[in-house]
């Protein structure tokens, strides 16, 4: 049962990365990033690996939180679609 879940989460990771690159569903894709990096930072903290916590993981967590809260209305396809349809992103 673990193997199909591995494929599912790998596909979810790839689709989320493509969505962030294209600027489609930025807030939805950043939810996955927030969940992922909270789990990574928490597991590192519980292991006592404070040196690894000071690395890139908190930065990625912060970036995911910013994208979750503010989105990317100006530099994304979501913003372009919203402007074309004259709605607020």
PDB file of N, CA and C in Angstrom:
ATOM      1  N   UNK A   1       0.818  -1.209   0.000  1.00  0.00           N
ATOM      2  CA  UNK A   1       0.000   0.000   0.000  1.00  0.00           C
ATOM      3  C   UNK A   1       0.855   1.264   0.000  1.00  0.00           C
ATOM      4  N   UNK A   2       2.084   1.160   0.460  1.00  0.00           N
ATOM      5  CA  UNK A   2       2.938   2.347   0.530  1.00  0.00           C
ATOM      6  C   UNK A   2       3.374   2.818  -0.851  1.00  0.00           C
ATOM      7  N   UNK A   3       3.526   1.901  -1.772  1.00  0.00           N
ATOM      8  CA  UNK A   3       3.995   2.279  -3.098  1.00  0.00           C
ATOM      9  C   UNK A   3       3.015   3.161  -3.860  1.00  0.00           C
ATOM     10  N   UNK A   4       1.712   2.849  -3.896  1.00  0.00           N
ATOM     11  CA  UNK A   4       0.792   3.761  -4.579  1.00  0.00           C
ATOM     12  C   UNK A   4       0.721   5.144  -3.917  1.00  0.00           C
ATOM     13  N   UNK A   5       0.838   5.219  -2.583  1.00  0.00           N
ATOM     14  CA  UNK A   5       0.856   6.524  -1.922  1.00  0.00           C
ATOM     15  C   UNK A   5       2.101   7.313  -2.311  1.00  0.00           C
ATOM     16  N   UNK A   6       3.202   6.615  -2.489  1.00  0.00           N
ATOM     17  CA  UNK A   6       4.420   7.285  -2.920  1.00  0.00           C
ATOM     18  C   UNK A   6       4.225   7.913  -4.294  1.00  0.00           C
ATOM     19  N   UNK A   7       3.620   7.179  -5.195  1.00  0.00           N
ATOM     20  CA  UNK A   7       3.341   7.726  -6.524  1.00  0.00           C
ATOM     21  C   UNK A   7       2.377   8.908  -6.453  1.00  0.00           C
ATOM     22  N   UNK A   8       1.376   8.803  -5.586  1.00  0.00           N
ATOM     23  CA  UNK A   8       0.393   9.880  -5.438  1.00  0.00           C
ATOM     24  C   UNK A   8       1.061  11.163  -4.953  1.00  0.00           C
ATOM     25  N   UNK A   9       1.888  11.048  -3.913  1.00  0.00           N
ATOM     26  CA  UNK A   9       2.527  12.243  -3.368  1.00  0.00           C
ATOM     27  C   UNK A   9       3.586  12.800  -4.315  1.00  0.00           C
ATOM     28  N   UNK A  10       4.241  11.934  -5.076  1.00  0.00           N
ATOM     29  CA  UNK A  10       5.191  12.413  -6.080  1.00  0.00           C
ATOM     30  C   UNK A  10       4.467  13.198  -7.168  1.00  0.00           C
ATOM     31  N   UNK A  11       3.341  12.669  -7.622  1.00  0.00           N
ATOM     32  CA  UNK A  11       2.545  13.371  -8.625  1.00  0.00           C
ATOM     33  C   UNK A  11       2.020  14.695  -8.075  1.00  0.00           C
ATOM     34  N   UNK A  12       1.592  14.694  -6.824  1.00  0.00           N
ATOM     35  CA  UNK A  12       1.112  15.919  -6.189  1.00  0.00           C
ATOM     36  C   UNK A  12       2.223  16.959  -6.100  1.00  0.00           C
ATOM     37  N   UNK A  13       3.429  16.526  -5.777  1.00  0.00           N
ATOM     38  CA  UNK A  13       4.578  17.435  -5.699  1.00  0.00           C
ATOM     39  C   UNK A  13       4.898  18.031  -7.071  1.00  0.00           C
ATOM     40  N   UNK A  14       4.887  17.206  -8.099  1.00  0.00           N
ATOM     41  CA  UNK A  14       5.196  17.685  -9.450  1.00  0.00           C
ATOM     42  C   UNK A  14       4.129  18.652  -9.947  1.00  0.00           C
ATOM     43  N   UNK A  15       2.867  18.308  -9.751  1.00  0.00           N
ATOM     44  CA  UNK A  15       1.787  19.197 -10.195  1.00  0.00           C
ATOM     45  C   UNK A  15       1.796  20.518  -9.431  1.00  0.00           C
ATOM     46  N   UNK A  16       2.111  20.464  -8.143  1.00  0.00           N
ATOM     47  CA  UNK A  16       2.209  21.695  -7.355  1.00  0.00           C
ATOM     48  C   UNK A  16       3.342  22.584  -7.833  1.00  0.00           C
ATOM     49  N   UNK A  17       4.478  21.985  -8.165  1.00  0.00           N
ATOM     50  CA  UNK A  17       5.616  22.766  -8.660  1.00  0.00           C
ATOM     51  C   UNK A  17       5.298  23.401 -10.008  1.00  0.00           C
ATOM     52  N   UNK A  18       4.663  22.647 -10.889  1.00  0.00           N
ATOM     53  CA  UNK A  18       4.285  23.193 -12.197  1.00  0.00           C
ATOM     54  C   UNK A  18       3.264  24.315 -12.027  1.00  0.00           C
ATOM     55  N   UNK A  19       2.320  24.136 -11.107  1.00  0.00           N
ATOM     56  CA  UNK A  19       1.322  25.174 -10.859  1.00  0.00           C
ATOM     57  C   UNK A  19       1.976  26.452 -10.336  1.00  0.00           C
ATOM     58  N   UNK A  20       2.960  26.311  -9.442  1.00  0.00           N
ATOM     59  CA  UNK A  20       3.652  27.493  -8.936  1.00  0.00           C
ATOM     60  C   UNK A  20       4.474  28.172 -10.021  1.00  0.00           C
ATOM     61  N   UNK A  21       5.120  27.396 -10.874  1.00  0.00           N
ATOM     62  CA  UNK A  21       5.924  27.982 -11.947  1.00  0.00           C
ATOM     63  C   UNK A  21       5.038  28.742 -12.931  1.00  0.00           C
ATOM     64  N   UNK A  22       3.911  28.155 -13.295  1.00  0.00           N
ATOM     65  CA  UNK A  22       3.012  28.805 -14.251  1.00  0.00           C
ATOM     66  C   UNK A  22       2.165  29.911 -13.621  1.00  0.00           C
ATOM     67  N   UNK A  23       2.010  29.864 -12.317  1.00  0.00           N
ATOM     68  CA  UNK A  23       1.180  30.857 -11.652  1.00  0.00           C
ATOM     69  C   UNK A  23      -0.287  30.499 -11.673  1.00  0.00           C
ATOM     70  N   UNK A  24      -0.587  29.233 -11.789  1.00  0.00           N
ATOM     71  CA  UNK A  24      -1.970  28.767 -11.745  1.00  0.00           C
ATOM     72  C   UNK A  24      -2.240  28.148 -10.379  1.00  0.00           C
ATOM     73  N   UNK A  25      -3.335  28.533  -9.774  1.00  0.00           N
ATOM     74  CA  UNK A  25      -3.727  27.985  -8.474  1.00  0.00           C
ATOM     75  C   UNK A  25      -2.596  28.098  -7.456  1.00  0.00           C
ATOM     76  N   UNK A  26      -2.008  29.284  -7.376  1.00  0.00           N
ATOM     77  CA  UNK A  26      -0.840  29.511  -6.530  1.00  0.00           C
ATOM     78  C   UNK A  26      -1.166  29.248  -5.070  1.00  0.00           C
ATOM     79  N   UNK A  27      -2.291  29.743  -4.609  1.00  0.00           N
ATOM     80  CA  UNK A  27      -2.636  29.548  -3.200  1.00  0.00           C
ATOM     81  C   UNK A  27      -2.896  28.086  -2.871  1.00  0.00           C
ATOM     82  N   UNK A  28      -3.552  27.391  -3.775  1.00  0.00           N
ATOM     83  CA  UNK A  28      -3.812  25.975  -3.547  1.00  0.00           C
ATOM     84  C   UNK A  28      -2.509  25.174  -3.553  1.00  0.00           C
ATOM     85  N   UNK A  29      -1.614  25.485  -4.470  1.00  0.00           N
ATOM     86  CA  UNK A  29      -0.332  24.776  -4.532  1.00  0.00           C
ATOM     87  C   UNK A  29       0.550  25.099  -3.330  1.00  0.00           C
ATOM     88  N   UNK A  30       0.447  26.304  -2.812  1.00  0.00           N
ATOM     89  CA  UNK A  30       1.283  26.667  -1.668  1.00  0.00           C
ATOM     90  C   UNK A  30       0.813  26.015  -0.373  1.00  0.00           C
ATOM     91  N   UNK A  31      -0.431  25.557  -0.324  1.00  0.00           N
ATOM     92  CA  UNK A  31      -0.898  24.810   0.851  1.00  0.00           C
ATOM     93  C   UNK A  31      -0.041  23.562   1.025  1.00  0.00           C
ATOM     94  N   UNK A  32       0.243  22.876  -0.084  1.00  0.00           N
ATOM     95  CA  UNK A  32       1.080  21.684  -0.021  1.00  0.00           C
ATOM     96  C   UNK A  32       2.481  22.042   0.483  1.00  0.00           C
ATOM     97  N   UNK A  33       3.028  23.157   0.042  1.00  0.00           N
ATOM     98  CA  UNK A  33       4.349  23.578   0.504  1.00  0.00           C
ATOM     99  C   UNK A  33       4.367  23.878   1.990  1.00  0.00           C
ATOM    100  N   UNK A  34       3.327  24.530   2.479  1.00  0.00           N
ATOM    101  CA  UNK A  34       3.250  24.835   3.908  1.00  0.00           C
ATOM    102  C   UNK A  34       3.196  23.541   4.716  1.00  0.00           C
ATOM    103  N   UNK A  35       2.349  22.617   4.305  1.00  0.00           N
ATOM    104  CA  UNK A  35       2.230  21.343   5.027  1.00  0.00           C
ATOM    105  C   UNK A  35       3.565  20.597   5.002  1.00  0.00           C
ATOM    106  N   UNK A  36       4.178  20.554   3.845  1.00  0.00           N
ATOM    107  CA  UNK A  36       5.442  19.824   3.692  1.00  0.00           C
ATOM    108  C   UNK A  36       6.538  20.407   4.580  1.00  0.00           C
ATOM    109  N   UNK A  37       6.711  21.707   4.560  1.00  0.00           N
ATOM    110  CA  UNK A  37       7.810  22.299   5.307  1.00  0.00           C
ATOM    111  C   UNK A  37       7.528  22.403   6.795  1.00  0.00           C
ATOM    112  N   UNK A  38       6.267  22.432   7.210  1.00  0.00           N
ATOM    113  CA  UNK A  38       5.962  22.332   8.642  1.00  0.00           C
ATOM    114  C   UNK A  38       6.367  20.957   9.149  1.00  0.00           C
ATOM    115  N   UNK A  39       6.059  19.925   8.378  1.00  0.00           N
ATOM    116  CA  UNK A  39       6.438  18.575   8.778  1.00  0.00           C
ATOM    117  C   UNK A  39       7.961  18.431   8.824  1.00  0.00           C
ATOM    118  N   UNK A  40       8.657  18.962   7.828  1.00  0.00           N
ATOM    119  CA  UNK A  40      10.119  18.864   7.796  1.00  0.00           C
ATOM    120  C   UNK A  40      10.738  19.605   8.969  1.00  0.00           C
ATOM    121  N   UNK A  41      10.320  20.845   9.208  1.00  0.00           N
ATOM    122  CA  UNK A  41      10.895  21.640  10.300  1.00  0.00           C
ATOM    123  C   UNK A  41      10.576  21.036  11.662  1.00  0.00           C
ATOM    124  N   UNK A  42       9.357  20.523  11.817  1.00  0.00           N
ATOM    125  CA  UNK A  42       8.980  19.910  13.093  1.00  0.00           C
ATOM    126  C   UNK A  42       9.777  18.643  13.355  1.00  0.00           C
ATOM    127  N   UNK A  43       9.937  17.815  12.333  1.00  0.00           N
ATOM    128  CA  UNK A  43      10.697  16.579  12.539  1.00  0.00           C
ATOM    129  C   UNK A  43      12.165  16.876  12.834  1.00  0.00           C
ATOM    130  N   UNK A  44      12.730  17.893  12.197  1.00  0.00           N
ATOM    131  CA  UNK A  44      14.112  18.266  12.493  1.00  0.00           C
ATOM    132  C   UNK A  44      14.244  18.812  13.913  1.00  0.00           C
ATOM    133  N   UNK A  45      13.258  19.578  14.346  1.00  0.00           N
ATOM    134  CA  UNK A  45      13.309  20.125  15.705  1.00  0.00           C
ATOM    135  C   UNK A  45      13.163  19.028  16.748  1.00  0.00           C
ATOM    136  N   UNK A  46      12.293  18.055  16.490  1.00  0.00           N
ATOM    137  CA  UNK A  46      12.102  16.966  17.442  1.00  0.00           C
ATOM    138  C   UNK A  46      13.316  16.051  17.517  1.00  0.00           C
ATOM    139  N   UNK A  47      14.063  15.939  16.421  1.00  0.00           N
ATOM    140  CA  UNK A  47      15.291  15.152  16.426  1.00  0.00           C
ATOM    141  C   UNK A  47      16.434  15.895  17.098  1.00  0.00           C
ATOM    142  N   UNK A  48      16.258  17.178  17.327  1.00  0.00           N
ATOM    143  CA  UNK A  48      17.307  17.975  17.945  1.00  0.00           C
ATOM    144  C   UNK A  48      18.334  18.477  16.954  1.00  0.00           C
ATOM    145  N   UNK A  49      18.020  18.434  15.697  1.00  0.00           N
ATOM    146  CA  UNK A  49      18.939  18.862  14.648  1.00  0.00           C
ATOM    147  C   UNK A  49      18.720  20.350  14.370  1.00  0.00           C
ATOM    148  N   UNK A  50      19.162  21.183  15.284  1.00  0.00           N
ATOM    149  CA  UNK A  50      18.921  22.624  15.190  1.00  0.00           C
ATOM    150  C   UNK A  50      19.704  23.240  14.037  1.00  0.00           C
ATOM    151  N   UNK A  51      20.862  22.698  13.712  1.00  0.00           N
ATOM    152  CA  UNK A  51      21.669  23.236  12.621  1.00  0.00           C
ATOM    153  C   UNK A  51      20.961  23.130  11.280  1.00  0.00           C
ATOM    154  N   UNK A  52      20.236  22.032  11.065  1.00  0.00           N
ATOM    155  CA  UNK A  52      19.525  21.860   9.806  1.00  0.00           C
ATOM    156  C   UNK A  52      18.300  22.759   9.730  1.00  0.00           C
ATOM    157  N   UNK A  53      17.744  23.109  10.886  1.00  0.00           N
ATOM    158  CA  UNK A  53      16.574  23.987  10.892  1.00  0.00           C
ATOM    159  C   UNK A  53      16.959  25.391  10.436  1.00  0.00           C
ATOM    160  N   UNK A  54      18.174  25.809  10.719  1.00  0.00           N
ATOM    161  CA  UNK A  54      18.617  27.157  10.347  1.00  0.00           C
ATOM    162  C   UNK A  54      18.947  27.260   8.861  1.00  0.00           C
ATOM    163  N   UNK A  55      18.739  26.209   8.108  1.00  0.00           N
ATOM    164  CA  UNK A  55      19.076  26.214   6.691  1.00  0.00           C
ATOM    165  C   UNK A  55      17.965  26.745   5.816  1.00  0.00           C
ATOM    166  N   UNK A  56      17.690  26.047   4.751  1.00  0.00           N
ATOM    167  CA  UNK A  56      16.761  26.489   3.722  1.00  0.00           C
ATOM    168  C   UNK A  56      15.300  26.198   4.062  1.00  0.00           C
ATOM    169  N   UNK A  57      15.046  25.232   4.928  1.00  0.00           N
ATOM    170  CA  UNK A  57      13.671  24.825   5.204  1.00  0.00           C
ATOM    171  C   UNK A  57      12.787  25.931   5.791  1.00  0.00           C
ATOM    172  N   UNK A  58      13.242  26.705   6.791  1.00  0.00           N
ATOM    173  CA  UNK A  58      12.380  27.803   7.269  1.00  0.00           C
ATOM    174  C   UNK A  58      12.131  28.878   6.215  1.00  0.00           C
ATOM    175  N   UNK A  59      13.107  29.096   5.357  1.00  0.00           N
ATOM    176  CA  UNK A  59      12.931  30.064   4.270  1.00  0.00           C
ATOM    177  C   UNK A  59      11.847  29.591   3.306  1.00  0.00           C
ATOM    178  N   UNK A  60      11.865  28.311   2.965  1.00  0.00           N
ATOM    179  CA  UNK A  60      10.845  27.757   2.070  1.00  0.00           C
ATOM    180  C   UNK A  60       9.481  27.766   2.738  1.00  0.00           C
ATOM    181  N   UNK A  61       9.427  27.516   4.039  1.00  0.00           N
ATOM    182  CA  UNK A  61       8.165  27.591   4.773  1.00  0.00           C
ATOM    183  C   UNK A  61       7.619  29.012   4.748  1.00  0.00           C
ATOM    184  N   UNK A  62       8.482  29.982   4.971  1.00  0.00           N
ATOM    185  CA  UNK A  62       8.056  31.381   4.939  1.00  0.00           C
ATOM    186  C   UNK A  62       7.577  31.784   3.549  1.00  0.00           C
ATOM    187  N   UNK A  63       8.280  31.356   2.518  1.00  0.00           N
ATOM    188  CA  UNK A  63       7.872  31.678   1.141  1.00  0.00           C
ATOM    189  C   UNK A  63       6.524  31.042   0.823  1.00  0.00           C
ATOM    190  N   UNK A  64       6.313  29.822   1.274  1.00  0.00           N
ATOM    191  CA  UNK A  64       5.024  29.159   1.040  1.00  0.00           C
ATOM    192  C   UNK A  64       3.899  29.869   1.780  1.00  0.00           C
ATOM    193  N   UNK A  65       4.170  30.329   3.000  1.00  0.00           N
ATOM    194  CA  UNK A  65       3.154  31.076   3.753  1.00  0.00           C
ATOM    195  C   UNK A  65       2.814  32.397   3.081  1.00  0.00           C
ATOM    196  N   UNK A  66       3.817  33.091   2.561  1.00  0.00           N
ATOM    197  CA  UNK A  66       3.565  34.355   1.862  1.00  0.00           C
ATOM    198  C   UNK A  66       2.721  34.119   0.619  1.00  0.00           C
ATOM    199  N   UNK A  67       3.050  33.082  -0.147  1.00  0.00           N
ATOM    200  CA  UNK A  67       2.252  32.773  -1.334  1.00  0.00           C
ATOM    201  C   UNK A  67       0.846  32.341  -0.963  1.00  0.00           C
ATOM    202  N   UNK A  68       0.703  31.646   0.152  1.00  0.00           N
ATOM    203  CA  UNK A  68      -0.622  31.234   0.596  1.00  0.00           C
ATOM    204  C   UNK A  68      -1.470  32.439   0.989  1.00  0.00           C
ATOM    205  N   UNK A  69      -0.879  33.381   1.704  1.00  0.00           N
ATOM    206  CA  UNK A  69      -1.635  34.533   2.193  1.00  0.00           C
ATOM    207  C   UNK A  69      -1.893  35.581   1.110  1.00  0.00           C
ATOM    208  N   UNK A  70      -0.898  35.856   0.255  1.00  0.00           N
ATOM    209  CA  UNK A  70      -1.016  36.947  -0.703  1.00  0.00           C
ATOM    210  C   UNK A  70      -1.212  36.495  -2.141  1.00  0.00           C
ATOM    211  N   UNK A  71      -0.861  35.255  -2.437  1.00  0.00           N
ATOM    212  CA  UNK A  71      -0.963  34.792  -3.810  1.00  0.00           C
ATOM    213  C   UNK A  71       0.088  35.468  -4.671  1.00  0.00           C
ATOM    214  N   UNK A  72      -0.152  35.455  -5.961  1.00  0.00           N
ATOM    215  CA  UNK A  72       0.754  36.106  -6.901  1.00  0.00           C
ATOM    216  C   UNK A  72      -0.074  36.752  -8.005  1.00  0.00           C
ATOM    217  N   UNK A  73      -0.792  37.829  -7.689  1.00  0.00           N
ATOM    218  CA  UNK A  73      -1.729  38.373  -8.666  1.00  0.00           C
ATOM    219  C   UNK A  73      -1.085  39.058  -9.870  1.00  0.00           C
ATOM    220  N   UNK A  74       0.090  39.626  -9.722  1.00  0.00           N
ATOM    221  CA  UNK A  74       0.668  40.389 -10.827  1.00  0.00           C
ATOM    222  C   UNK A  74       1.528  39.546 -11.759  1.00  0.00           C
ATOM    223  N   UNK A  75       2.192  38.561 -11.218  1.00  0.00           N
ATOM    224  CA  UNK A  75       3.134  37.783 -12.017  1.00  0.00           C
ATOM    225  C   UNK A  75       2.651  36.355 -12.245  1.00  0.00           C
ATOM    226  N   UNK A  76       1.368  36.181 -12.465  1.00  0.00           N
ATOM    227  CA  UNK A  76       0.859  34.825 -12.625  1.00  0.00           C
ATOM    228  C   UNK A  76      -0.222  34.767 -13.689  1.00  0.00           C
ATOM    229  N   UNK A  77      -0.496  33.568 -14.127  1.00  0.00           N
ATOM    230  CA  UNK A  77      -1.597  33.377 -15.065  1.00  0.00           C
ATOM    231  C   UNK A  77      -2.939  33.609 -14.378  1.00  0.00           C
ATOM    232  N   UNK A  78      -2.996  33.338 -13.078  1.00  0.00           N
ATOM    233  CA  UNK A  78      -4.222  33.640 -12.328  1.00  0.00           C
ATOM    234  C   UNK A  78      -4.559  35.127 -12.390  1.00  0.00           C
ATOM    235  N   UNK A  79      -3.535  35.968 -12.208  1.00  0.00           N
ATOM    236  CA  UNK A  79      -3.751  37.407 -12.282  1.00  0.00           C
ATOM    237  C   UNK A  79      -4.146  37.871 -13.667  1.00  0.00           C
ATOM    238  N   UNK A  80      -3.553  37.262 -14.678  1.00  0.00           N
ATOM    239  CA  UNK A  80      -3.895  37.594 -16.061  1.00  0.00           C
ATOM    240  C   UNK A  80      -5.334  37.202 -16.385  1.00  0.00           C
ATOM    241  N   UNK A  81      -5.731  36.036 -15.928  1.00  0.00           N
ATOM    242  CA  UNK A  81      -7.109  35.578 -16.145  1.00  0.00           C
ATOM    243  C   UNK A  81      -8.088  36.475 -15.389  1.00  0.00           C
ATOM    244  N   UNK A  82      -7.731  36.836 -14.155  1.00  0.00           N
ATOM    245  CA  UNK A  82      -8.605  37.702 -13.366  1.00  0.00           C
ATOM    246  C   UNK A  82      -8.735  39.085 -14.006  1.00  0.00           C
ATOM    247  N   UNK A  83      -7.624  39.604 -14.552  1.00  0.00           N
ATOM    248  CA  UNK A  83      -7.680  40.909 -15.203  1.00  0.00           C
ATOM    249  C   UNK A  83      -8.532  40.836 -16.471  1.00  0.00           C
ATOM    250  N   UNK A  84      -8.395  39.754 -17.201  1.00  0.00           N
ATOM    251  CA  UNK A  84      -9.174  39.568 -18.423  1.00  0.00           C
ATOM    252  C   UNK A  84     -10.663  39.454 -18.136  1.00  0.00           C
ATOM    253  N   UNK A  85     -10.990  38.805 -17.028  1.00  0.00           N
ATOM    254  CA  UNK A  85     -12.391  38.635 -16.663  1.00  0.00           C
ATOM    255  C   UNK A  85     -12.898  39.776 -15.777  1.00  0.00           C
ATOM    256  N   UNK A  86     -11.986  40.713 -15.448  1.00  0.00           N
ATOM    257  CA  UNK A  86     -12.299  41.890 -14.647  1.00  0.00           C
ATOM    258  C   UNK A  86     -12.866  41.536 -13.282  1.00  0.00           C
ATOM    259  N   UNK A  87     -12.178  40.603 -12.599  1.00  0.00           N
ATOM    260  CA  UNK A  87     -12.535  40.259 -11.231  1.00  0.00           C
ATOM    261  C   UNK A  87     -11.304  40.423 -10.360  1.00  0.00           C
ATOM    262  N   UNK A  88     -11.501  40.509  -9.075  1.00  0.00           N
ATOM    263  CA  UNK A  88     -10.400  40.659  -8.146  1.00  0.00           C
ATOM    264  C   UNK A  88      -9.765  39.299  -7.898  1.00  0.00           C
ATOM    265  N   UNK A  89      -8.404  39.169  -7.991  1.00  0.00           N
ATOM    266  CA  UNK A  89      -7.762  37.853  -7.768  1.00  0.00           C
ATOM    267  C   UNK A  89      -7.811  37.415  -6.327  1.00  0.00           C
TER     268      UNK A  89
END
